[in-house]
């Protein structure tokens, strides 16, 4: 996406029709409370289906986590999804490279 570095990303979809951008945005903010550095960059997007909040990692966080690696479509992604069990009700097909287990 060209955000200039690694970001935290929270996506919140409405559970009910009356949950709109404001409530979903507040929940995304709560999910990222204490994480990242908005001064380095923060992006908010309401798609109508979900609210996305992206925030750059702080310098200290970047040092701790090291380089960011995209694990989509890898066995590691499939393993992480499997460990979430019922908590992950929808796994997009592109996340799973192969069956785990």
PDB file of N, CA and C in Angstrom:
ATOM      1  N   UNK A   1       0.806  -1.202   0.000  1.00  0.00           N
ATOM      2  CA  UNK A   1       0.000   0.000   0.000  1.00  0.00           C
ATOM      3  C   UNK A   1       0.849   1.267   0.000  1.00  0.00           C
ATOM      4  N   UNK A   2       2.133   1.132   0.176  1.00  0.00           N
ATOM      5  CA  UNK A   2       2.986   2.301   0.161  1.00  0.00           C
ATOM      6  C   UNK A   2       2.803   3.204   1.367  1.00  0.00           C
ATOM      7  N   UNK A   3       2.788   2.616   2.562  1.00  0.00           N
ATOM      8  CA  UNK A   3       2.581   3.391   3.780  1.00  0.00           C
ATOM      9  C   UNK A   3       3.895   3.835   4.421  1.00  0.00           C
ATOM     10  N   UNK A   4       5.005   3.543   3.783  1.00  0.00           N
ATOM     11  CA  UNK A   4       6.288   4.024   4.266  1.00  0.00           C
ATOM     12  C   UNK A   4       6.937   3.189   5.341  1.00  0.00           C
ATOM     13  N   UNK A   5       6.401   2.022   5.598  1.00  0.00           N
ATOM     14  CA  UNK A   5       6.970   1.143   6.612  1.00  0.00           C
ATOM     15  C   UNK A   5       5.899   0.259   7.222  1.00  0.00           C
ATOM     16  N   UNK A   6       6.281  -0.537   8.222  1.00  0.00           N
ATOM     17  CA  UNK A   6       5.338  -1.470   8.832  1.00  0.00           C
ATOM     18  C   UNK A   6       4.234  -0.759   9.606  1.00  0.00           C
ATOM     19  N   UNK A   7       3.044  -1.339   9.564  1.00  0.00           N
ATOM     20  CA  UNK A   7       1.893  -0.749  10.241  1.00  0.00           C
ATOM     21  C   UNK A   7       1.146  -1.792  11.059  1.00  0.00           C
ATOM     22  N   UNK A   8       0.507  -1.315  12.124  1.00  0.00           N
ATOM     23  CA  UNK A   8      -0.516  -2.084  12.807  1.00  0.00           C
ATOM     24  C   UNK A   8      -1.774  -1.902  11.972  1.00  0.00           C
ATOM     25  N   UNK A   9      -2.627  -2.927  11.916  1.00  0.00           N
ATOM     26  CA  UNK A   9      -3.836  -2.833  11.107  1.00  0.00           C
ATOM     27  C   UNK A   9      -4.973  -3.503  11.863  1.00  0.00           C
ATOM     28  N   UNK A  10      -6.003  -2.723  12.183  1.00  0.00           N
ATOM     29  CA  UNK A  10      -7.215  -3.261  12.800  1.00  0.00           C
ATOM     30  C   UNK A  10      -8.361  -3.049  11.830  1.00  0.00           C
ATOM     31  N   UNK A  11      -9.131  -4.099  11.588  1.00  0.00           N
ATOM     32  CA  UNK A  11     -10.325  -4.017  10.746  1.00  0.00           C
ATOM     33  C   UNK A  11     -11.519  -4.426  11.587  1.00  0.00           C
ATOM     34  N   UNK A  12     -12.553  -3.604  11.587  1.00  0.00           N
ATOM     35  CA  UNK A  12     -13.748  -3.881  12.368  1.00  0.00           C
ATOM     36  C   UNK A  12     -14.950  -3.812  11.441  1.00  0.00           C
ATOM     37  N   UNK A  13     -15.668  -4.931  11.359  1.00  0.00           N
ATOM     38  CA  UNK A  13     -16.887  -4.989  10.556  1.00  0.00           C
ATOM     39  C   UNK A  13     -18.086  -4.903  11.492  1.00  0.00           C
ATOM     40  N   UNK A  14     -19.145  -4.249  11.053  1.00  0.00           N
ATOM     41  CA  UNK A  14     -20.319  -4.110  11.918  1.00  0.00           C
ATOM     42  C   UNK A  14     -20.994  -5.450  12.165  1.00  0.00           C
ATOM     43  N   UNK A  15     -21.384  -5.676  13.430  1.00  0.00           N
ATOM     44  CA  UNK A  15     -22.119  -6.888  13.779  1.00  0.00           C
ATOM     45  C   UNK A  15     -23.600  -6.741  13.473  1.00  0.00           C
ATOM     46  N   UNK A  16     -24.072  -5.524  13.497  1.00  0.00           N
ATOM     47  CA  UNK A  16     -25.472  -5.233  13.233  1.00  0.00           C
ATOM     48  C   UNK A  16     -25.547  -4.052  12.279  1.00  0.00           C
ATOM     49  N   UNK A  17     -26.669  -3.935  11.618  1.00  0.00           N
ATOM     50  CA  UNK A  17     -26.823  -2.895  10.599  1.00  0.00           C
ATOM     51  C   UNK A  17     -26.619  -1.491  11.158  1.00  0.00           C
ATOM     52  N   UNK A  18     -26.957  -1.267  12.416  1.00  0.00           N
ATOM     53  CA  UNK A  18     -26.833   0.081  12.966  1.00  0.00           C
ATOM     54  C   UNK A  18     -25.417   0.423  13.405  1.00  0.00           C
ATOM     55  N   UNK A  19     -24.483  -0.523  13.341  1.00  0.00           N
ATOM     56  CA  UNK A  19     -23.081  -0.214  13.624  1.00  0.00           C
ATOM     57  C   UNK A  19     -22.506   0.430  12.367  1.00  0.00           C
ATOM     58  N   UNK A  20     -22.138   1.658  12.461  1.00  0.00           N
ATOM     59  CA  UNK A  20     -21.585   2.342  11.295  1.00  0.00           C
ATOM     60  C   UNK A  20     -20.122   2.663  11.477  1.00  0.00           C
ATOM     61  N   UNK A  21     -19.666   3.611  10.691  1.00  0.00           N
ATOM     62  CA  UNK A  21     -18.252   3.981  10.690  1.00  0.00           C
ATOM     63  C   UNK A  21     -17.789   4.482  12.057  1.00  0.00           C
ATOM     64  N   UNK A  22     -18.633   5.259  12.747  1.00  0.00           N
ATOM     65  CA  UNK A  22     -18.207   5.838  14.024  1.00  0.00           C
ATOM     66  C   UNK A  22     -17.941   4.759  15.068  1.00  0.00           C
ATOM     67  N   UNK A  23     -18.884   3.862  15.268  1.00  0.00           N
ATOM     68  CA  UNK A  23     -18.709   2.808  16.269  1.00  0.00           C
ATOM     69  C   UNK A  23     -17.586   1.854  15.876  1.00  0.00           C
ATOM     70  N   UNK A  24     -17.540   1.470  14.617  1.00  0.00           N
ATOM     71  CA  UNK A  24     -16.466   0.577  14.168  1.00  0.00           C
ATOM     72  C   UNK A  24     -15.107   1.257  14.317  1.00  0.00           C
ATOM     73  N   UNK A  25     -15.047   2.559  14.027  1.00  0.00           N
ATOM     74  CA  UNK A  25     -13.796   3.298  14.198  1.00  0.00           C
ATOM     75  C   UNK A  25     -13.344   3.323  15.647  1.00  0.00           C
ATOM     76  N   UNK A  26     -14.303   3.509  16.561  1.00  0.00           N
ATOM     77  CA  UNK A  26     -13.954   3.503  17.989  1.00  0.00           C
ATOM     78  C   UNK A  26     -13.412   2.142  18.418  1.00  0.00           C
ATOM     79  N   UNK A  27     -14.001   1.086  17.900  1.00  0.00           N
ATOM     80  CA  UNK A  27     -13.526  -0.262  18.249  1.00  0.00           C
ATOM     81  C   UNK A  27     -12.140  -0.524  17.672  1.00  0.00           C
ATOM     82  N   UNK A  28     -11.880  -0.027  16.489  1.00  0.00           N
ATOM     83  CA  UNK A  28     -10.538  -0.178  15.901  1.00  0.00           C
ATOM     84  C   UNK A  28      -9.516   0.591  16.730  1.00  0.00           C
ATOM     85  N   UNK A  29      -9.890   1.795  17.171  1.00  0.00           N
ATOM     86  CA  UNK A  29      -8.990   2.584  18.029  1.00  0.00           C
ATOM     87  C   UNK A  29      -8.697   1.839  19.325  1.00  0.00           C
ATOM     88  N   UNK A  30      -9.716   1.224  19.904  1.00  0.00           N
ATOM     89  CA  UNK A  30      -9.519   0.465  21.140  1.00  0.00           C
ATOM     90  C   UNK A  30      -8.573  -0.712  20.902  1.00  0.00           C
ATOM     91  N   UNK A  31      -8.715  -1.364  19.755  1.00  0.00           N
ATOM     92  CA  UNK A  31      -7.855  -2.511  19.440  1.00  0.00           C
ATOM     93  C   UNK A  31      -6.389  -2.100  19.330  1.00  0.00           C
ATOM     94  N   UNK A  32      -6.145  -0.885  18.856  1.00  0.00           N
ATOM     95  CA  UNK A  32      -4.761  -0.426  18.673  1.00  0.00           C
ATOM     96  C   UNK A  32      -4.288   0.506  19.786  1.00  0.00           C
ATOM     97  N   UNK A  33      -5.067   0.619  20.846  1.00  0.00           N
ATOM     98  CA  UNK A  33      -4.680   1.510  21.951  1.00  0.00           C
ATOM     99  C   UNK A  33      -3.297   1.145  22.478  1.00  0.00           C
ATOM    100  N   UNK A  34      -2.423   2.132  22.549  1.00  0.00           N
ATOM    101  CA  UNK A  34      -1.071   1.920  23.061  1.00  0.00           C
ATOM    102  C   UNK A  34      -0.093   1.359  22.045  1.00  0.00           C
ATOM    103  N   UNK A  35      -0.542   1.166  20.827  1.00  0.00           N
ATOM    104  CA  UNK A  35       0.322   0.599  19.789  1.00  0.00           C
ATOM    105  C   UNK A  35       0.632   1.646  18.720  1.00  0.00           C
ATOM    106  N   UNK A  36       1.830   1.592  18.207  1.00  0.00           N
ATOM    107  CA  UNK A  36       2.218   2.436  17.097  1.00  0.00           C
ATOM    108  C   UNK A  36       2.446   3.882  17.467  1.00  0.00           C
ATOM    109  N   UNK A  37       2.684   4.667  16.414  1.00  0.00           N
ATOM    110  CA  UNK A  37       2.944   6.096  16.566  1.00  0.00           C
ATOM    111  C   UNK A  37       2.206   6.832  15.452  1.00  0.00           C
ATOM    112  N   UNK A  38       1.054   7.398  15.810  1.00  0.00           N
ATOM    113  CA  UNK A  38       0.232   8.095  14.816  1.00  0.00           C
ATOM    114  C   UNK A  38       0.985   9.256  14.167  1.00  0.00           C
ATOM    115  N   UNK A  39       1.953   9.832  14.866  1.00  0.00           N
ATOM    116  CA  UNK A  39       2.731  10.933  14.300  1.00  0.00           C
ATOM    117  C   UNK A  39       3.544  10.478  13.089  1.00  0.00           C
ATOM    118  N   UNK A  40       3.864   9.192  13.031  1.00  0.00           N
ATOM    119  CA  UNK A  40       4.603   8.645  11.887  1.00  0.00           C
ATOM    120  C   UNK A  40       3.674   8.317  10.725  1.00  0.00           C
ATOM    121  N   UNK A  41       2.375   8.244  11.005  1.00  0.00           N
ATOM    122  CA  UNK A  41       1.385   7.971   9.969  1.00  0.00           C
ATOM    123  C   UNK A  41       0.229   7.157  10.510  1.00  0.00           C
ATOM    124  N   UNK A  42      -0.968   7.594  10.167  1.00  0.00           N
ATOM    125  CA  UNK A  42      -2.174   6.857  10.539  1.00  0.00           C
ATOM    126  C   UNK A  42      -3.191   7.050   9.427  1.00  0.00           C
ATOM    127  N   UNK A  43      -3.854   5.962   9.039  1.00  0.00           N
ATOM    128  CA  UNK A  43      -4.805   5.991   7.944  1.00  0.00           C
ATOM    129  C   UNK A  43      -6.096   5.332   8.391  1.00  0.00           C
ATOM    130  N   UNK A  44      -7.217   5.996   8.115  1.00  0.00           N
ATOM    131  CA  UNK A  44      -8.543   5.506   8.478  1.00  0.00           C
ATOM    132  C   UNK A  44      -9.353   5.361   7.206  1.00  0.00           C
ATOM    133  N   UNK A  45     -10.062   4.228   7.110  1.00  0.00           N
ATOM    134  CA  UNK A  45     -10.850   3.981   5.905  1.00  0.00           C
ATOM    135  C   UNK A  45     -12.132   3.251   6.279  1.00  0.00           C
ATOM    136  N   UNK A  46     -13.257   3.804   5.861  1.00  0.00           N
ATOM    137  CA  UNK A  46     -14.555   3.142   6.002  1.00  0.00           C
ATOM    138  C   UNK A  46     -14.985   2.708   4.610  1.00  0.00           C
ATOM    139  N   UNK A  47     -15.115   1.409   4.393  1.00  0.00           N
ATOM    140  CA  UNK A  47     -15.475   0.895   3.069  1.00  0.00           C
ATOM    141  C   UNK A  47     -16.971   0.680   2.910  1.00  0.00           C
ATOM    142  N   UNK A  48     -17.696   0.835   4.004  1.00  0.00           N
ATOM    143  CA  UNK A  48     -19.119   0.495   3.983  1.00  0.00           C
ATOM    144  C   UNK A  48     -19.339  -0.906   4.520  1.00  0.00           C
ATOM    145  N   UNK A  49     -18.316  -1.737   4.416  1.00  0.00           N
ATOM    146  CA  UNK A  49     -18.374  -3.105   4.941  1.00  0.00           C
ATOM    147  C   UNK A  49     -17.530  -3.246   6.209  1.00  0.00           C
ATOM    148  N   UNK A  50     -16.488  -2.427   6.325  1.00  0.00           N
ATOM    149  CA  UNK A  50     -15.595  -2.501   7.496  1.00  0.00           C
ATOM    150  C   UNK A  50     -14.842  -1.184   7.628  1.00  0.00           C
ATOM    151  N   UNK A  51     -14.394  -0.937   8.857  1.00  0.00           N
ATOM    152  CA  UNK A  51     -13.555   0.220   9.143  1.00  0.00           C
ATOM    153  C   UNK A  51     -12.136  -0.291   9.316  1.00  0.00           C
ATOM    154  N   UNK A  52     -11.195   0.314   8.617  1.00  0.00           N
ATOM    155  CA  UNK A  52      -9.787  -0.077   8.692  1.00  0.00           C
ATOM    156  C   UNK A  52      -8.989   1.060   9.310  1.00  0.00           C
ATOM    157  N   UNK A  53      -8.184   0.712  10.299  1.00  0.00           N
ATOM    158  CA  UNK A  53      -7.282   1.677  10.928  1.00  0.00           C
ATOM    159  C   UNK A  53      -5.877   1.119  10.810  1.00  0.00           C
ATOM    160  N   UNK A  54      -5.021   1.875  10.156  1.00  0.00           N
ATOM    161  CA  UNK A  54      -3.622   1.488  10.011  1.00  0.00           C
ATOM    162  C   UNK A  54      -2.771   2.562  10.677  1.00  0.00           C
ATOM    163  N   UNK A  55      -1.788   2.117  11.438  1.00  0.00           N
ATOM    164  CA  UNK A  55      -0.925   3.053  12.156  1.00  0.00           C
ATOM    165  C   UNK A  55       0.509   2.530  12.103  1.00  0.00           C
ATOM    166  N   UNK A  56       1.430   3.412  11.753  1.00  0.00           N
ATOM    167  CA  UNK A  56       2.842   3.022  11.698  1.00  0.00           C
ATOM    168  C   UNK A  56       3.342   2.560  13.053  1.00  0.00           C
ATOM    169  N   UNK A  57       4.185   1.558  13.044  1.00  0.00           N
ATOM    170  CA  UNK A  57       4.842   1.106  14.266  1.00  0.00           C
ATOM    171  C   UNK A  57       5.756   2.205  14.779  1.00  0.00           C
ATOM    172  N   UNK A  58       5.909   2.266  16.099  1.00  0.00           N
ATOM    173  CA  UNK A  58       6.866   3.209  16.682  1.00  0.00           C
ATOM    174  C   UNK A  58       8.281   2.709  16.373  1.00  0.00           C
ATOM    175  N   UNK A  59       9.250   3.568  16.555  1.00  0.00           N
ATOM    176  CA  UNK A  59      10.648   3.174  16.326  1.00  0.00           C
ATOM    177  C   UNK A  59      11.024   2.001  17.228  1.00  0.00           C
ATOM    178  N   UNK A  60      10.593   2.043  18.499  1.00  0.00           N
ATOM    179  CA  UNK A  60      10.913   0.943  19.426  1.00  0.00           C
ATOM    180  C   UNK A  60      10.259  -0.361  18.976  1.00  0.00           C
ATOM    181  N   UNK A  61       9.022  -0.286  18.502  1.00  0.00           N
ATOM    182  CA  UNK A  61       8.335  -1.494  18.023  1.00  0.00           C
ATOM    183  C   UNK A  61       9.040  -2.061  16.801  1.00  0.00           C
ATOM    184  N   UNK A  62       9.466  -1.196  15.896  1.00  0.00           N
ATOM    185  CA  UNK A  62      10.166  -1.663  14.699  1.00  0.00           C
ATOM    186  C   UNK A  62      11.460  -2.378  15.056  1.00  0.00           C
ATOM    187  N   UNK A  63      12.169  -1.874  16.079  1.00  0.00           N
ATOM    188  CA  UNK A  63      13.403  -2.513  16.523  1.00  0.00           C
ATOM    189  C   UNK A  63      13.118  -3.898  17.084  1.00  0.00           C
ATOM    190  N   UNK A  64      12.044  -4.013  17.876  1.00  0.00           N
ATOM    191  CA  UNK A  64      11.702  -5.300  18.498  1.00  0.00           C
ATOM    192  C   UNK A  64      11.259  -6.354  17.489  1.00  0.00           C
ATOM    193  N   UNK A  65      10.441  -5.968  16.514  1.00  0.00           N
ATOM    194  CA  UNK A  65       9.880  -6.969  15.602  1.00  0.00           C
ATOM    195  C   UNK A  65      10.763  -7.267  14.408  1.00  0.00           C
ATOM    196  N   UNK A  66      11.679  -6.367  14.098  1.00  0.00           N
ATOM    197  CA  UNK A  66      12.548  -6.592  12.947  1.00  0.00           C
ATOM    198  C   UNK A  66      11.804  -6.339  11.648  1.00  0.00           C
ATOM    199  N   UNK A  67      12.366  -6.802  10.543  1.00  0.00           N
ATOM    200  CA  UNK A  67      11.735  -6.531   9.248  1.00  0.00           C
ATOM    201  C   UNK A  67      10.379  -7.230   9.139  1.00  0.00           C
ATOM    202  N   UNK A  68       9.464  -6.559   8.485  1.00  0.00           N
ATOM    203  CA  UNK A  68       8.129  -7.104   8.283  1.00  0.00           C
ATOM    204  C   UNK A  68       8.154  -8.061   7.101  1.00  0.00           C
ATOM    205  N   UNK A  69       7.468  -9.186   7.253  1.00  0.00           N
ATOM    206  CA  UNK A  69       7.409 -10.207   6.214  1.00  0.00           C
ATOM    207  C   UNK A  69       5.945 -10.529   5.934  1.00  0.00           C
ATOM    208  N   UNK A  70       5.569 -10.551   4.680  1.00  0.00           N
ATOM    209  CA  UNK A  70       4.206 -10.911   4.286  1.00  0.00           C
ATOM    210  C   UNK A  70       4.101 -12.434   4.291  1.00  0.00           C
ATOM    211  N   UNK A  71       3.263 -12.982   5.172  1.00  0.00           N
ATOM    212  CA  UNK A  71       3.148 -14.446   5.276  1.00  0.00           C
ATOM    213  C   UNK A  71       1.907 -14.987   4.582  1.00  0.00           C
ATOM    214  N   UNK A  72       1.156 -14.122   3.905  1.00  0.00           N
ATOM    215  CA  UNK A  72      -0.036 -14.610   3.212  1.00  0.00           C
ATOM    216  C   UNK A  72       0.324 -15.729   2.240  1.00  0.00           C
ATOM    217  N   UNK A  73      -0.570 -16.711   2.154  1.00  0.00           N
ATOM    218  CA  UNK A  73      -0.434 -17.860   1.252  1.00  0.00           C
ATOM    219  C   UNK A  73       0.755 -18.753   1.598  1.00  0.00           C
ATOM    220  N   UNK A  74       1.162 -18.766   2.853  1.00  0.00           N
ATOM    221  CA  UNK A  74       2.277 -19.609   3.275  1.00  0.00           C
ATOM    222  C   UNK A  74       1.805 -20.609   4.325  1.00  0.00           C
ATOM    223  N   UNK A  75       2.564 -21.670   4.539  1.00  0.00           N
ATOM    224  CA  UNK A  75       2.219 -22.606   5.613  1.00  0.00           C
ATOM    225  C   UNK A  75       2.145 -21.923   6.982  1.00  0.00           C
ATOM    226  N   UNK A  76       2.990 -20.908   7.221  1.00  0.00           N
ATOM    227  CA  UNK A  76       2.939 -20.200   8.495  1.00  0.00           C
ATOM    228  C   UNK A  76       1.583 -19.518   8.686  1.00  0.00           C
ATOM    229  N   UNK A  77       1.065 -18.923   7.632  1.00  0.00           N
ATOM    230  CA  UNK A  77      -0.251 -18.271   7.718  1.00  0.00           C
ATOM    231  C   UNK A  77      -1.332 -19.302   8.031  1.00  0.00           C
ATOM    232  N   UNK A  78      -1.264 -20.442   7.386  1.00  0.00           N
ATOM    233  CA  UNK A  78      -2.252 -21.499   7.633  1.00  0.00           C
ATOM    234  C   UNK A  78      -2.164 -22.001   9.072  1.00  0.00           C
ATOM    235  N   UNK A  79      -0.960 -22.151   9.586  1.00  0.00           N
ATOM    236  CA  UNK A  79      -0.768 -22.604  10.966  1.00  0.00           C
ATOM    237  C   UNK A  79      -1.334 -21.587  11.955  1.00  0.00           C
ATOM    238  N   UNK A  80      -1.054 -20.321  11.725  1.00  0.00           N
ATOM    239  CA  UNK A  80      -1.573 -19.281  12.618  1.00  0.00           C
ATOM    240  C   UNK A  80      -3.098 -19.266  12.602  1.00  0.00           C
ATOM    241  N   UNK A  81      -3.689 -19.417  11.424  1.00  0.00           N
ATOM    242  CA  UNK A  81      -5.148 -19.442  11.307  1.00  0.00           C
ATOM    243  C   UNK A  81      -5.718 -20.648  12.048  1.00  0.00           C
ATOM    244  N   UNK A  82      -5.073 -21.794  11.922  1.00  0.00           N
ATOM    245  CA  UNK A  82      -5.545 -23.000  12.597  1.00  0.00           C
ATOM    246  C   UNK A  82      -5.501 -22.843  14.113  1.00  0.00           C
ATOM    247  N   UNK A  83      -4.502 -22.156  14.616  1.00  0.00           N
ATOM    248  CA  UNK A  83      -4.372 -21.960  16.062  1.00  0.00           C
ATOM    249  C   UNK A  83      -5.477 -21.075  16.622  1.00  0.00           C
ATOM    250  N   UNK A  84      -6.070 -20.238  15.786  1.00  0.00           N
ATOM    251  CA  UNK A  84      -7.161 -19.382  16.243  1.00  0.00           C
ATOM    252  C   UNK A  84      -8.477 -20.151  16.380  1.00  0.00           C
ATOM    253  N   UNK A  85      -8.576 -21.278  15.691  1.00  0.00           N
ATOM    254  CA  UNK A  85      -9.773 -22.111  15.805  1.00  0.00           C
ATOM    255  C   UNK A  85     -11.041 -21.326  15.522  1.00  0.00           C
ATOM    256  N   UNK A  86     -12.018 -21.461  16.421  1.00  0.00           N
ATOM    257  CA  UNK A  86     -13.321 -20.822  16.240  1.00  0.00           C
ATOM    258  C   UNK A  86     -13.251 -19.302  16.255  1.00  0.00           C
ATOM    259  N   UNK A  87     -12.182 -18.751  16.822  1.00  0.00           N
ATOM    260  CA  UNK A  87     -12.073 -17.291  16.861  1.00  0.00           C
ATOM    261  C   UNK A  87     -11.945 -16.688  15.467  1.00  0.00           C
ATOM    262  N   UNK A  88     -11.505 -17.480  14.534  1.00  0.00           N
ATOM    263  CA  UNK A  88     -11.358 -17.016  13.162  1.00  0.00           C
ATOM    264  C   UNK A  88     -12.470 -17.656  12.346  1.00  0.00           C
ATOM    265  N   UNK A  89     -13.584 -16.971  12.249  1.00  0.00           N
ATOM    266  CA  UNK A  89     -14.752 -17.568  11.603  1.00  0.00           C
ATOM    267  C   UNK A  89     -14.655 -17.555  10.087  1.00  0.00           C
ATOM    268  N   UNK A  90     -13.895 -16.627   9.541  1.00  0.00           N
ATOM    269  CA  UNK A  90     -13.759 -16.554   8.080  1.00  0.00           C
ATOM    270  C   UNK A  90     -12.279 -16.432   7.751  1.00  0.00           C
ATOM    271  N   UNK A  91     -11.783 -17.363   6.995  1.00  0.00           N
ATOM    272  CA  UNK A  91     -10.394 -17.313   6.547  1.00  0.00           C
ATOM    273  C   UNK A  91     -10.418 -17.132   5.036  1.00  0.00           C
ATOM    274  N   UNK A  92      -9.997 -15.978   4.542  1.00  0.00           N
ATOM    275  CA  UNK A  92      -9.965 -15.787   3.090  1.00  0.00           C
ATOM    276  C   UNK A  92      -9.082 -16.841   2.425  1.00  0.00           C
ATOM    277  N   UNK A  93      -9.520 -17.313   1.294  1.00  0.00           N
ATOM    278  CA  UNK A  93      -8.808 -18.390   0.591  1.00  0.00           C
ATOM    279  C   UNK A  93      -7.345 -18.040   0.338  1.00  0.00           C
ATOM    280  N   UNK A  94      -7.047 -16.775   0.076  1.00  0.00           N
ATOM    281  CA  UNK A  94      -5.666 -16.407  -0.244  1.00  0.00           C
ATOM    282  C   UNK A  94      -4.732 -16.507   0.948  1.00  0.00           C
ATOM    283  N   UNK A  95      -5.280 -16.609   2.152  1.00  0.00           N
ATOM    284  CA  UNK A  95      -4.445 -16.736   3.344  1.00  0.00           C
ATOM    285  C   UNK A  95      -3.898 -18.163   3.464  1.00  0.00           C
ATOM    286  N   UNK A  96      -4.712 -19.126   3.106  1.00  0.00           N
ATOM    287  CA  UNK A  96      -4.347 -20.522   3.303  1.00  0.00           C
ATOM    288  C   UNK A  96      -3.646 -21.088   2.069  1.00  0.00           C
ATOM    289  N   UNK A  97      -2.396 -21.469   2.229  1.00  0.00           N
ATOM    290  CA  UNK A  97      -1.650 -22.050   1.118  1.00  0.00           C
ATOM    291  C   UNK A  97      -1.899 -23.548   1.038  1.00  0.00           C
ATOM    292  N   UNK A  98      -2.100 -24.171   2.187  1.00  0.00           N
ATOM    293  CA  UNK A  98      -2.319 -25.611   2.249  1.00  0.00           C
ATOM    294  C   UNK A  98      -3.026 -25.922   3.545  1.00  0.00           C
ATOM    295  N   UNK A  99      -3.606 -27.099   3.622  1.00  0.00           N
ATOM    296  CA  UNK A  99      -4.277 -27.483   4.852  1.00  0.00           C
ATOM    297  C   UNK A  99      -3.274 -27.719   5.971  1.00  0.00           C
ATOM    298  N   UNK A 100      -3.659 -27.368   7.160  1.00  0.00           N
ATOM    299  CA  UNK A 100      -2.831 -27.579   8.331  1.00  0.00           C
ATOM    300  C   UNK A 100      -3.424 -28.708   9.124  1.00  0.00           C
ATOM    301  N   UNK A 101      -2.565 -29.566   9.660  1.00  0.00           N
ATOM    302  CA  UNK A 101      -3.078 -30.625  10.525  1.00  0.00           C
ATOM    303  C   UNK A 101      -2.748 -31.910  10.035  1.00  0.00           C
TER     304      UNK A 101
END
